[in-house]
Amino acid sequence: MNDHLETEFCVALITAPSEEAARFITAELLAKKLAACVNLVSSVRSLYRWKGEICDDQEILMIVKCRKDSFEDRLVPAVKKIHPYKVPEIIALPIVKGAVDYLNWMVEVTADQDV
């Protein structure tokens, strides 16, 4: 299977306010086949500016491996629909290279994405 050669992937970074919120979002992404795998990194410290103030919060970082072609049209709206933040962090970085067997697995588990 060489489908990975025709499919582009990315890593999406999403922060959530709690483990519970991150698990809920993760379950939705996996159920809809919008993510092949999600790593939850607990207790990251996020410092940012919001409404003119500097904020310092503990968050959960979600590292989401997904298809590039579904990121903007499907993954982002799915996350925004259920995320507790008004403006959640949802950014993507391209996967430039990867182990062939892993990329093939990503193709397989994200195929036929639910609508």
PDB file of N, CA and C in Angstrom:
ATOM      1  N   MET A   1       0.847  -1.187   0.000  1.00  0.00           N
ATOM      2  CA  MET A   1       0.000   0.000   0.000  1.00  0.00           C
ATOM      3  C   MET A   1       0.882   1.236   0.000  1.00  0.00           C
ATOM      4  N   ASN A   2       0.760   2.072  -0.998  1.00  0.00           N
ATOM      5  CA  ASN A   2       1.566   3.277  -1.085  1.00  0.00           C
ATOM      6  C   ASN A   2       0.713   4.531  -1.102  1.00  0.00           C
ATOM      7  N   ASP A   3      -0.468   4.481  -0.515  1.00  0.00           N
ATOM      8  CA  ASP A   3      -1.354   5.638  -0.479  1.00  0.00           C
ATOM      9  C   ASP A   3      -0.721   6.836   0.212  1.00  0.00           C
ATOM     10  N   HIS A   4       0.196   6.561   1.157  1.00  0.00           N
ATOM     11  CA  HIS A   4       0.825   7.655   1.888  1.00  0.00           C
ATOM     12  C   HIS A   4       1.556   8.610   0.955  1.00  0.00           C
ATOM     13  N   LEU A   5       1.991   8.139  -0.207  1.00  0.00           N
ATOM     14  CA  LEU A   5       2.721   9.002  -1.135  1.00  0.00           C
ATOM     15  C   LEU A   5       1.813  10.068  -1.729  1.00  0.00           C
ATOM     16  N   GLU A   6       0.502   9.801  -1.760  1.00  0.00           N
ATOM     17  CA  GLU A   6      -0.451  10.749  -2.327  1.00  0.00           C
ATOM     18  C   GLU A   6      -1.203  11.527  -1.251  1.00  0.00           C
ATOM     19  N   THR A   7      -1.053  11.177  -0.008  1.00  0.00           N
ATOM     20  CA  THR A   7      -1.777  11.818   1.086  1.00  0.00           C
ATOM     21  C   THR A   7      -0.817  12.663   1.904  1.00  0.00           C
ATOM     22  N   GLU A   8      -1.201  13.914   2.142  1.00  0.00           N
ATOM     23  CA  GLU A   8      -0.387  14.795   2.981  1.00  0.00           C
ATOM     24  C   GLU A   8      -0.963  14.805   4.384  1.00  0.00           C
ATOM     25  N   PHE A   9      -0.070  14.818   5.360  1.00  0.00           N
ATOM     26  CA  PHE A   9      -0.464  14.786   6.753  1.00  0.00           C
ATOM     27  C   PHE A   9       0.035  16.030   7.471  1.00  0.00           C
ATOM     28  N   CYS A  10      -0.571  16.289   8.640  1.00  0.00           N
ATOM     29  CA  CYS A  10      -0.081  17.375   9.480  1.00  0.00           C
ATOM     30  C   CYS A  10      -0.240  16.979  10.939  1.00  0.00           C
ATOM     31  N   VAL A  11       0.401  17.741  11.780  1.00  0.00           N
ATOM     32  CA  VAL A  11       0.252  17.612  13.220  1.00  0.00           C
ATOM     33  C   VAL A  11      -0.471  18.866  13.674  1.00  0.00           C
ATOM     34  N   ALA A  12      -1.639  18.680  14.263  1.00  0.00           N
ATOM     35  CA  ALA A  12      -2.388  19.815  14.794  1.00  0.00           C
ATOM     36  C   ALA A  12      -2.103  19.925  16.285  1.00  0.00           C
ATOM     37  N   LEU A  13      -1.898  21.137  16.732  1.00  0.00           N
ATOM     38  CA  LEU A  13      -1.706  21.404  18.158  1.00  0.00           C
ATOM     39  C   LEU A  13      -2.951  22.124  18.654  1.00  0.00           C
ATOM     40  N   ILE A  14      -3.559  21.556  19.683  1.00  0.00           N
ATOM     41  CA  ILE A  14      -4.773  22.118  20.266  1.00  0.00           C
ATOM     42  C   ILE A  14      -4.584  22.119  21.775  1.00  0.00           C
ATOM     43  N   THR A  15      -4.897  23.224  22.416  1.00  0.00           N
ATOM     44  CA  THR A  15      -4.844  23.248  23.877  1.00  0.00           C
ATOM     45  C   THR A  15      -6.261  23.174  24.423  1.00  0.00           C
ATOM     46  N   ALA A  16      -6.382  22.574  25.601  1.00  0.00           N
ATOM     47  CA  ALA A  16      -7.669  22.446  26.280  1.00  0.00           C
ATOM     48  C   ALA A  16      -7.470  22.796  27.758  1.00  0.00           C
ATOM     49  N   PRO A  17      -8.535  23.239  28.422  1.00  0.00           N
ATOM     50  CA  PRO A  17      -8.393  23.672  29.812  1.00  0.00           C
ATOM     51  C   PRO A  17      -8.281  22.534  30.830  1.00  0.00           C
ATOM     52  N   SER A  18      -8.646  21.311  30.423  1.00  0.00           N
ATOM     53  CA  SER A  18      -8.625  20.194  31.371  1.00  0.00           C
ATOM     54  C   SER A  18      -8.456  18.876  30.628  1.00  0.00           C
ATOM     55  N   GLU A  19      -8.091  17.852  31.382  1.00  0.00           N
ATOM     56  CA  GLU A  19      -7.969  16.503  30.823  1.00  0.00           C
ATOM     57  C   GLU A  19      -9.327  16.035  30.307  1.00  0.00           C
ATOM     58  N   GLU A  20     -10.379  16.345  31.040  1.00  0.00           N
ATOM     59  CA  GLU A  20     -11.729  15.948  30.638  1.00  0.00           C
ATOM     60  C   GLU A  20     -12.106  16.565  29.283  1.00  0.00           C
ATOM     61  N   ALA A  21     -11.856  17.841  29.108  1.00  0.00           N
ATOM     62  CA  ALA A  21     -12.162  18.510  27.841  1.00  0.00           C
ATOM     63  C   ALA A  21     -11.326  17.926  26.711  1.00  0.00           C
ATOM     64  N   ALA A  22     -10.047  17.678  26.967  1.00  0.00           N
ATOM     65  CA  ALA A  22      -9.158  17.119  25.947  1.00  0.00           C
ATOM     66  C   ALA A  22      -9.601  15.720  25.546  1.00  0.00           C
ATOM     67  N   ARG A  23      -9.999  14.909  26.508  1.00  0.00           N
ATOM     68  CA  ARG A  23     -10.471  13.548  26.208  1.00  0.00           C
ATOM     69  C   ARG A  23     -11.764  13.585  25.394  1.00  0.00           C
ATOM     70  N   PHE A  24     -12.656  14.509  25.712  1.00  0.00           N
ATOM     71  CA  PHE A  24     -13.917  14.647  24.992  1.00  0.00           C
ATOM     72  C   PHE A  24     -13.664  15.027  23.535  1.00  0.00           C
ATOM     73  N   ILE A  25     -12.790  16.016  23.317  1.00  0.00           N
ATOM     74  CA  ILE A  25     -12.441  16.447  21.963  1.00  0.00           C
ATOM     75  C   ILE A  25     -11.765  15.309  21.209  1.00  0.00           C
ATOM     76  N   THR A  26     -10.832  14.623  21.882  1.00  0.00           N
ATOM     77  CA  THR A  26     -10.121  13.498  21.276  1.00  0.00           C
ATOM     78  C   THR A  26     -11.099  12.409  20.836  1.00  0.00           C
ATOM     79  N   ALA A  27     -12.036  12.060  21.685  1.00  0.00           N
ATOM     80  CA  ALA A  27     -13.017  11.022  21.354  1.00  0.00           C
ATOM     81  C   ALA A  27     -13.804  11.401  20.102  1.00  0.00           C
ATOM     82  N   GLU A  28     -14.171  12.654  19.989  1.00  0.00           N
ATOM     83  CA  GLU A  28     -14.925  13.124  18.817  1.00  0.00           C
ATOM     84  C   GLU A  28     -14.078  13.038  17.548  1.00  0.00           C
ATOM     85  N   LEU A  29     -12.826  13.459  17.621  1.00  0.00           N
ATOM     86  CA  LEU A  29     -11.951  13.417  16.451  1.00  0.00           C
ATOM     87  C   LEU A  29     -11.683  11.986  15.999  1.00  0.00           C
ATOM     88  N   LEU A  30     -11.487  11.084  16.949  1.00  0.00           N
ATOM     89  CA  LEU A  30     -11.254   9.687  16.600  1.00  0.00           C
ATOM     90  C   LEU A  30     -12.525   9.034  16.045  1.00  0.00           C
ATOM     91  N   ALA A  31     -13.667   9.330  16.634  1.00  0.00           N
ATOM     92  CA  ALA A  31     -14.931   8.757  16.168  1.00  0.00           C
ATOM     93  C   ALA A  31     -15.245   9.173  14.733  1.00  0.00           C
ATOM     94  N   LYS A  32     -14.909  10.412  14.402  1.00  0.00           N
ATOM     95  CA  LYS A  32     -15.180  10.920  13.050  1.00  0.00           C
ATOM     96  C   LYS A  32     -14.038  10.639  12.082  1.00  0.00           C
ATOM     97  N   LYS A  33     -13.026   9.915  12.550  1.00  0.00           N
ATOM     98  CA  LYS A  33     -11.846   9.583  11.750  1.00  0.00           C
ATOM     99  C   LYS A  33     -11.118  10.823  11.240  1.00  0.00           C
ATOM    100  N   LEU A  34     -11.171  11.896  12.026  1.00  0.00           N
ATOM    101  CA  LEU A  34     -10.463  13.129  11.692  1.00  0.00           C
ATOM    102  C   LEU A  34      -9.034  13.109  12.230  1.00  0.00           C
ATOM    103  N   ALA A  35      -8.744  12.170  13.098  1.00  0.00           N
ATOM    104  CA  ALA A  35      -7.404  12.015  13.669  1.00  0.00           C
ATOM    105  C   ALA A  35      -7.025  10.544  13.641  1.00  0.00           C
ATOM    106  N   ALA A  36      -5.764  10.286  13.353  1.00  0.00           N
ATOM    107  CA  ALA A  36      -5.249   8.922  13.435  1.00  0.00           C
ATOM    108  C   ALA A  36      -4.821   8.610  14.860  1.00  0.00           C
ATOM    109  N   CYS A  37      -4.278   9.627  15.521  1.00  0.00           N
ATOM    110  CA  CYS A  37      -3.731   9.456  16.866  1.00  0.00           C
ATOM    111  C   CYS A  37      -3.710  10.819  17.546  1.00  0.00           C
ATOM    112  N   VAL A  38      -3.967  10.828  18.841  1.00  0.00           N
ATOM    113  CA  VAL A  38      -3.881  12.056  19.631  1.00  0.00           C
ATOM    114  C   VAL A  38      -3.065  11.763  20.883  1.00  0.00           C
ATOM    115  N   ASN A  39      -2.037  12.554  21.097  1.00  0.00           N
ATOM    116  CA  ASN A  39      -1.261  12.470  22.340  1.00  0.00           C
ATOM    117  C   ASN A  39      -1.733  13.594  23.252  1.00  0.00           C
ATOM    118  N   LEU A  40      -1.966  13.279  24.508  1.00  0.00           N
ATOM    119  CA  LEU A  40      -2.344  14.293  25.485  1.00  0.00           C
ATOM    120  C   LEU A  40      -1.153  14.546  26.400  1.00  0.00           C
ATOM    121  N   VAL A  41      -0.684  15.768  26.389  1.00  0.00           N
ATOM    122  CA  VAL A  41       0.446  16.163  27.223  1.00  0.00           C
ATOM    123  C   VAL A  41      -0.121  17.009  28.356  1.00  0.00           C
ATOM    124  N   SER A  42      -0.070  16.447  29.559  1.00  0.00           N
ATOM    125  CA  SER A  42      -0.710  17.137  30.676  1.00  0.00           C
ATOM    126  C   SER A  42       0.163  18.238  31.248  1.00  0.00           C
ATOM    127  N   SER A  43      -0.539  19.201  31.780  1.00  0.00           N
ATOM    128  CA  SER A  43       0.062  20.296  32.523  1.00  0.00           C
ATOM    129  C   SER A  43       1.143  21.071  31.758  1.00  0.00           C
ATOM    130  N   VAL A  44       0.757  21.623  30.620  1.00  0.00           N
ATOM    131  CA  VAL A  44       1.640  22.569  29.953  1.00  0.00           C
ATOM    132  C   VAL A  44       1.268  23.959  30.460  1.00  0.00           C
ATOM    133  N   ARG A  45       2.233  24.793  30.589  1.00  0.00           N
ATOM    134  CA  ARG A  45       1.994  26.158  31.051  1.00  0.00           C
ATOM    135  C   ARG A  45       1.873  27.057  29.831  1.00  0.00           C
ATOM    136  N   SER A  46       0.751  27.735  29.713  1.00  0.00           N
ATOM    137  CA  SER A  46       0.508  28.625  28.577  1.00  0.00           C
ATOM    138  C   SER A  46       0.435  30.063  29.066  1.00  0.00           C
ATOM    139  N   LEU A  47       1.290  30.889  28.479  1.00  0.00           N
ATOM    140  CA  LEU A  47       1.280  32.317  28.772  1.00  0.00           C
ATOM    141  C   LEU A  47       0.878  33.034  27.498  1.00  0.00           C
ATOM    142  N   TYR A  48      -0.118  33.904  27.580  1.00  0.00           N
ATOM    143  CA  TYR A  48      -0.651  34.550  26.392  1.00  0.00           C
ATOM    144  C   TYR A  48      -1.380  35.837  26.775  1.00  0.00           C
ATOM    145  N   ARG A  49      -1.651  36.628  25.770  1.00  0.00           N
ATOM    146  CA  ARG A  49      -2.398  37.865  25.978  1.00  0.00           C
ATOM    147  C   ARG A  49      -3.839  37.620  25.544  1.00  0.00           C
ATOM    148  N   TRP A  50      -4.795  37.978  26.404  1.00  0.00           N
ATOM    149  CA  TRP A  50      -6.217  37.830  26.095  1.00  0.00           C
ATOM    150  C   TRP A  50      -6.965  39.029  26.647  1.00  0.00           C
ATOM    151  N   LYS A  51      -7.648  39.736  25.764  1.00  0.00           N
ATOM    152  CA  LYS A  51      -8.445  40.916  26.124  1.00  0.00           C
ATOM    153  C   LYS A  51      -7.624  41.924  26.929  1.00  0.00           C
ATOM    154  N   GLY A  52      -6.400  42.184  26.447  1.00  0.00           N
ATOM    155  CA  GLY A  52      -5.539  43.199  27.043  1.00  0.00           C
ATOM    156  C   GLY A  52      -4.798  42.778  28.292  1.00  0.00           C
ATOM    157  N   GLU A  53      -4.957  41.547  28.732  1.00  0.00           N
ATOM    158  CA  GLU A  53      -4.278  41.085  29.938  1.00  0.00           C
ATOM    159  C   GLU A  53      -3.367  39.910  29.618  1.00  0.00           C
ATOM    160  N   ILE A  54      -2.310  39.767  30.405  1.00  0.00           N
ATOM    161  CA  ILE A  54      -1.412  38.625  30.287  1.00  0.00           C
ATOM    162  C   ILE A  54      -1.987  37.497  31.148  1.00  0.00           C
ATOM    163  N   CYS A  55      -2.185  36.343  30.551  1.00  0.00           N
ATOM    164  CA  CYS A  55      -2.731  35.183  31.254  1.00  0.00           C
ATOM    165  C   CYS A  55      -1.644  34.124  31.422  1.00  0.00           C
ATOM    166  N   ASP A  56      -1.754  33.355  32.477  1.00  0.00           N
ATOM    167  CA  ASP A  56      -0.806  32.295  32.799  1.00  0.00           C
ATOM    168  C   ASP A  56      -1.627  31.100  33.283  1.00  0.00           C
ATOM    169  N   ASP A  57      -1.832  30.115  32.404  1.00  0.00           N
ATOM    170  CA  ASP A  57      -2.722  29.003  32.714  1.00  0.00           C
ATOM    171  C   ASP A  57      -2.052  27.648  32.524  1.00  0.00           C
ATOM    172  N   GLN A  58      -2.523  26.665  33.275  1.00  0.00           N
ATOM    173  CA  GLN A  58      -2.145  25.278  33.066  1.00  0.00           C
ATOM    174  C   GLN A  58      -3.163  24.678  32.096  1.00  0.00           C
ATOM    175  N   GLU A  59      -2.684  24.041  31.045  1.00  0.00           N
ATOM    176  CA  GLU A  59      -3.562  23.465  30.044  1.00  0.00           C
ATOM    177  C   GLU A  59      -3.080  22.072  29.666  1.00  0.00           C
ATOM    178  N   ILE A  60      -3.887  21.389  28.882  1.00  0.00           N
ATOM    179  CA  ILE A  60      -3.526  20.108  28.293  1.00  0.00           C
ATOM    180  C   ILE A  60      -3.218  20.388  26.826  1.00  0.00           C
ATOM    181  N   LEU A  61      -2.107  19.881  26.329  1.00  0.00           N
ATOM    182  CA  LEU A  61      -1.748  20.024  24.923  1.00  0.00           C
ATOM    183  C   LEU A  61      -2.122  18.747  24.190  1.00  0.00           C
ATOM    184  N   MET A  62      -2.910  18.910  23.153  1.00  0.00           N
ATOM    185  CA  MET A  62      -3.296  17.780  22.311  1.00  0.00           C
ATOM    186  C   MET A  62      -2.422  17.830  21.060  1.00  0.00           C
ATOM    187  N   ILE A  63      -1.731  16.734  20.786  1.00  0.00           N
ATOM    188  CA  ILE A  63      -0.918  16.605  19.579  1.00  0.00           C
ATOM    189  C   ILE A  63      -1.671  15.635  18.679  1.00  0.00           C
ATOM    190  N   VAL A  64      -2.260  16.182  17.613  1.00  0.00           N
ATOM    191  CA  VAL A  64      -3.190  15.432  16.767  1.00  0.00           C
ATOM    192  C   VAL A  64      -2.552  15.146  15.412  1.00  0.00           C
ATOM    193  N   LYS A  65      -2.430  13.873  15.063  1.00  0.00           N
ATOM    194  CA  LYS A  65      -1.926  13.503  13.736  1.00  0.00           C
ATOM    195  C   LYS A  65      -3.126  13.317  12.819  1.00  0.00           C
ATOM    196  N   CYS A  66      -3.145  14.083  11.716  1.00  0.00           N
ATOM    197  CA  CYS A  66      -4.335  14.089  10.865  1.00  0.00           C
ATOM    198  C   CYS A  66      -3.964  14.353   9.400  1.00  0.00           C
ATOM    199  N   ARG A  67      -4.981  14.246   8.548  1.00  0.00           N
ATOM    200  CA  ARG A  67      -4.804  14.541   7.128  1.00  0.00           C
ATOM    201  C   ARG A  67      -4.856  16.050   6.906  1.00  0.00           C
ATOM    202  N   LYS A  68      -3.953  16.528   6.090  1.00  0.00           N
ATOM    203  CA  LYS A  68      -3.919  17.952   5.789  1.00  0.00           C
ATOM    204  C   LYS A  68      -5.194  18.397   5.070  1.00  0.00           C
ATOM    205  N   ASP A  69      -5.731  17.545   4.192  1.00  0.00           N
ATOM    206  CA  ASP A  69      -6.895  17.936   3.394  1.00  0.00           C
ATOM    207  C   ASP A  69      -8.190  18.057   4.198  1.00  0.00           C
ATOM    208  N   SER A  70      -8.226  17.537   5.411  1.00  0.00           N
ATOM    209  CA  SER A  70      -9.432  17.671   6.220  1.00  0.00           C
ATOM    210  C   SER A  70      -9.252  18.647   7.388  1.00  0.00           C
ATOM    211  N   PHE A  71      -8.059  19.212   7.539  1.00  0.00           N
ATOM    212  CA  PHE A  71      -7.782  20.088   8.682  1.00  0.00           C
ATOM    213  C   PHE A  71      -8.727  21.289   8.722  1.00  0.00           C
ATOM    214  N   GLU A  72      -8.710  22.100   7.688  1.00  0.00           N
ATOM    215  CA  GLU A  72      -9.446  23.369   7.716  1.00  0.00           C
ATOM    216  C   GLU A  72     -10.960  23.183   7.584  1.00  0.00           C
ATOM    217  N   ASP A  73     -11.375  22.297   6.703  1.00  0.00           N
ATOM    218  CA  ASP A  73     -12.806  22.146   6.422  1.00  0.00           C
ATOM    219  C   ASP A  73     -13.545  21.245   7.401  1.00  0.00           C
ATOM    220  N   ARG A  74     -12.849  20.310   8.048  1.00  0.00           N
ATOM    221  CA  ARG A  74     -13.550  19.350   8.898  1.00  0.00           C
ATOM    222  C   ARG A  74     -13.060  19.347  10.342  1.00  0.00           C
ATOM    223  N   LEU A  75     -11.735  19.276  10.538  1.00  0.00           N
ATOM    224  CA  LEU A  75     -11.217  19.179  11.900  1.00  0.00           C
ATOM    225  C   LEU A  75     -11.453  20.465  12.686  1.00  0.00           C
ATOM    226  N   VAL A  76     -11.097  21.605  12.124  1.00  0.00           N
ATOM    227  CA  VAL A  76     -11.261  22.880  12.840  1.00  0.00           C
ATOM    228  C   VAL A  76     -12.722  23.113  13.235  1.00  0.00           C
ATOM    229  N   PRO A  77     -13.688  22.988  12.309  1.00  0.00           N
ATOM    230  CA  PRO A  77     -15.086  23.187  12.726  1.00  0.00           C
ATOM    231  C   PRO A  77     -15.549  22.171  13.790  1.00  0.00           C
ATOM    232  N   ALA A  78     -15.096  20.923  13.692  1.00  0.00           N
ATOM    233  CA  ALA A  78     -15.478  19.907  14.674  1.00  0.00           C
ATOM    234  C   ALA A  78     -14.970  20.276  16.064  1.00  0.00           C
ATOM    235  N   VAL A  79     -13.733  20.771  16.132  1.00  0.00           N
ATOM    236  CA  VAL A  79     -13.164  21.164  17.426  1.00  0.00           C
ATOM    237  C   VAL A  79     -13.892  22.393  17.957  1.00  0.00           C
ATOM    238  N   LYS A  80     -14.080  23.403  17.116  1.00  0.00           N
ATOM    239  CA  LYS A  80     -14.730  24.638  17.566  1.00  0.00           C
ATOM    240  C   LYS A  80     -16.144  24.394  18.087  1.00  0.00           C
ATOM    241  N   LYS A  81     -16.825  23.432  17.510  1.00  0.00           N
ATOM    242  CA  LYS A  81     -18.204  23.129  17.902  1.00  0.00           C
ATOM    243  C   LYS A  81     -18.297  22.635  19.347  1.00  0.00           C
ATOM    244  N   ILE A  82     -17.270  21.935  19.829  1.00  0.00           N
ATOM    245  CA  ILE A  82     -17.335  21.330  21.164  1.00  0.00           C
ATOM    246  C   ILE A  82     -16.301  21.867  22.154  1.00  0.00           C
ATOM    247  N   HIS A  83     -15.388  22.726  21.701  1.00  0.00           N
ATOM    248  CA  HIS A  83     -14.326  23.234  22.579  1.00  0.00           C
ATOM    249  C   HIS A  83     -14.891  24.275  23.537  1.00  0.00           C
ATOM    250  N   PRO A  84     -14.489  24.239  24.801  1.00  0.00           N
ATOM    251  CA  PRO A  84     -15.019  25.208  25.756  1.00  0.00           C
ATOM    252  C   PRO A  84     -14.487  26.643  25.585  1.00  0.00           C
ATOM    253  N   TYR A  85     -13.370  26.830  24.887  1.00  0.00           N
ATOM    254  CA  TYR A  85     -12.839  28.180  24.687  1.00  0.00           C
ATOM    255  C   TYR A  85     -13.562  28.881  23.543  1.00  0.00           C
ATOM    256  N   LYS A  86     -13.684  30.186  23.659  1.00  0.00           N
ATOM    257  CA  LYS A  86     -14.285  30.987  22.589  1.00  0.00           C
ATOM    258  C   LYS A  86     -13.371  31.000  21.358  1.00  0.00           C
ATOM    259  N   VAL A  87     -12.063  31.098  21.593  1.00  0.00           N
ATOM    260  CA  VAL A  87     -11.074  31.092  20.508  1.00  0.00           C
ATOM    261  C   VAL A  87      -9.993  30.064  20.857  1.00  0.00           C
ATOM    262  N   PRO A  88     -10.250  28.801  20.545  1.00  0.00           N
ATOM    263  CA  PRO A  88      -9.262  27.768  20.891  1.00  0.00           C
ATOM    264  C   PRO A  88      -8.039  27.808  19.980  1.00  0.00           C
ATOM    265  N   GLU A  89      -6.908  27.408  20.535  1.00  0.00           N
ATOM    266  CA  GLU A  89      -5.707  27.242  19.720  1.00  0.00           C
ATOM    267  C   GLU A  89      -5.875  25.984  18.883  1.00  0.00           C
ATOM    268  N   ILE A  90      -5.845  26.156  17.571  1.00  0.00           N
ATOM    269  CA  ILE A  90      -5.881  25.024  16.643  1.00  0.00           C
ATOM    270  C   ILE A  90      -4.938  25.400  15.505  1.00  0.00           C
ATOM    271  N   ILE A  91      -3.728  24.884  15.546  1.00  0.00           N
ATOM    272  CA  ILE A  91      -2.751  25.201  14.511  1.00  0.00           C
ATOM    273  C   ILE A  91      -2.193  23.900  13.942  1.00  0.00           C
ATOM    274  N   ALA A  92      -1.674  23.971  12.729  1.00  0.00           N
ATOM    275  CA  ALA A  92      -1.152  22.762  12.087  1.00  0.00           C
ATOM    276  C   ALA A  92       0.267  22.973  11.588  1.00  0.00           C
ATOM    277  N   LEU A  93       1.042  21.923  11.695  1.00  0.00           N
ATOM    278  CA  LEU A  93       2.407  21.882  11.173  1.00  0.00           C
ATOM    279  C   LEU A  93       2.481  20.708  10.205  1.00  0.00           C
ATOM    280  N   PRO A  94       3.140  20.865   9.076  1.00  0.00           N
ATOM    281  CA  PRO A  94       3.197  19.752   8.117  1.00  0.00           C
ATOM    282  C   PRO A  94       4.082  18.614   8.623  1.00  0.00           C
ATOM    283  N   ILE A  95       3.710  17.405   8.268  1.00  0.00           N
ATOM    284  CA  ILE A  95       4.585  16.249   8.494  1.00  0.00           C
ATOM    285  C   ILE A  95       5.381  16.093   7.209  1.00  0.00           C
ATOM    286  N   VAL A  96       6.664  16.376   7.287  1.00  0.00           N
ATOM    287  CA  VAL A  96       7.530  16.367   6.114  1.00  0.00           C
ATOM    288  C   VAL A  96       7.946  14.950   5.742  1.00  0.00           C
ATOM    289  N   LYS A  97       8.241  14.139   6.713  1.00  0.00           N
ATOM    290  CA  LYS A  97       8.666  12.752   6.513  1.00  0.00           C
ATOM    291  C   LYS A  97       8.074  11.903   7.626  1.00  0.00           C
ATOM    292  N   GLY A  98       7.994  10.604   7.363  1.00  0.00           N
ATOM    293  CA  GLY A  98       7.520   9.675   8.380  1.00  0.00           C
ATOM    294  C   GLY A  98       7.822   8.257   7.967  1.00  0.00           C
ATOM    295  N   ALA A  99       7.798   7.361   8.929  1.00  0.00           N
ATOM    296  CA  ALA A  99       7.999   5.940   8.628  1.00  0.00           C
ATOM    297  C   ALA A  99       6.857   5.477   7.731  1.00  0.00           C
ATOM    298  N   VAL A 100       7.183   4.781   6.659  1.00  0.00           N
ATOM    299  CA  VAL A 100       6.200   4.361   5.663  1.00  0.00           C
ATOM    300  C   VAL A 100       5.061   3.570   6.304  1.00  0.00           C
ATOM    301  N   ASP A 101       5.382   2.647   7.203  1.00  0.00           N
ATOM    302  CA  ASP A 101       4.323   1.846   7.807  1.00  0.00           C
ATOM    303  C   ASP A 101       3.394   2.703   8.674  1.00  0.00           C
ATOM    304  N   TYR A 102       3.944   3.710   9.342  1.00  0.00           N
ATOM    305  CA  TYR A 102       3.112   4.605  10.149  1.00  0.00           C
ATOM    306  C   TYR A 102       2.217   5.457   9.258  1.00  0.00           C
ATOM    307  N   LEU A 103       2.770   5.990   8.186  1.00  0.00           N
ATOM    308  CA  LEU A 103       1.966   6.798   7.265  1.00  0.00           C
ATOM    309  C   LEU A 103       0.871   5.960   6.613  1.00  0.00           C
ATOM    310  N   ASN A 104       1.179   4.725   6.259  1.00  0.00           N
ATOM    311  CA  ASN A 104       0.154   3.830   5.708  1.00  0.00           C
ATOM    312  C   ASN A 104      -0.957   3.585   6.730  1.00  0.00           C
ATOM    313  N   TRP A 105      -0.584   3.405   7.983  1.00  0.00           N
ATOM    314  CA  TRP A 105      -1.568   3.222   9.041  1.00  0.00           C
ATOM    315  C   TRP A 105      -2.449   4.460   9.180  1.00  0.00           C
ATOM    316  N   MET A 106      -1.853   5.641   9.099  1.00  0.00           N
ATOM    317  CA  MET A 106      -2.640   6.883   9.183  1.00  0.00           C
ATOM    318  C   MET A 106      -3.667   6.954   8.066  1.00  0.00           C
ATOM    319  N   VAL A 107      -3.257   6.579   6.860  1.00  0.00           N
ATOM    320  CA  VAL A 107      -4.185   6.559   5.721  1.00  0.00           C
ATOM    321  C   VAL A 107      -5.350   5.614   6.037  1.00  0.00           C
ATOM    322  N   GLU A 108      -5.018   4.440   6.520  1.00  0.00           N
ATOM    323  CA  GLU A 108      -6.027   3.414   6.782  1.00  0.00           C
ATOM    324  C   GLU A 108      -7.058   3.859   7.824  1.00  0.00           C
ATOM    325  N   VAL A 109      -6.603   4.423   8.936  1.00  0.00           N
ATOM    326  CA  VAL A 109      -7.531   4.747  10.030  1.00  0.00           C
ATOM    327  C   VAL A 109      -8.272   6.056   9.838  1.00  0.00           C
ATOM    328  N   THR A 110      -7.872   6.859   8.852  1.00  0.00           N
ATOM    329  CA  THR A 110      -8.606   8.105   8.584  1.00  0.00           C
ATOM    330  C   THR A 110      -9.391   8.021   7.287  1.00  0.00           C
ATOM    331  N   ALA A 111      -9.407   6.850   6.657  1.00  0.00           N
ATOM    332  CA  ALA A 111     -10.159   6.675   5.415  1.00  0.00           C
ATOM    333  C   ALA A 111     -11.652   6.685   5.703  1.00  0.00           C
ATOM    334  N   ASP A 112     -12.420   7.080   4.688  1.00  0.00           N
ATOM    335  CA  ASP A 112     -13.887   7.080   4.811  1.00  0.00           C
ATOM    336  C   ASP A 112     -14.349   7.843   6.038  1.00  0.00           C
ATOM    337  N   GLN A 113     -13.895   9.072   6.155  1.00  0.00           N
ATOM    338  CA  GLN A 113     -14.246   9.893   7.312  1.00  0.00           C
ATOM    339  C   GLN A 113     -15.749  10.099   7.386  1.00  0.00           C
ATOM    340  N   ASP A 114     -16.287   9.964   8.607  1.00  0.00           N
ATOM    341  CA  ASP A 114     -17.718  10.176   8.824  1.00  0.00           C
ATOM    342  C   ASP A 114     -18.069  11.632   8.552  1.00  0.00           C
ATOM    343  N   VAL A 115     -19.245  11.851   8.054  1.00  0.00           N
ATOM    344  CA  VAL A 115     -19.712  13.226   7.766  1.00  0.00           C
ATOM    345  C   VAL A 115     -20.390  13.789   8.980  1.00  0.00           C
TER     346      VAL A 115
END
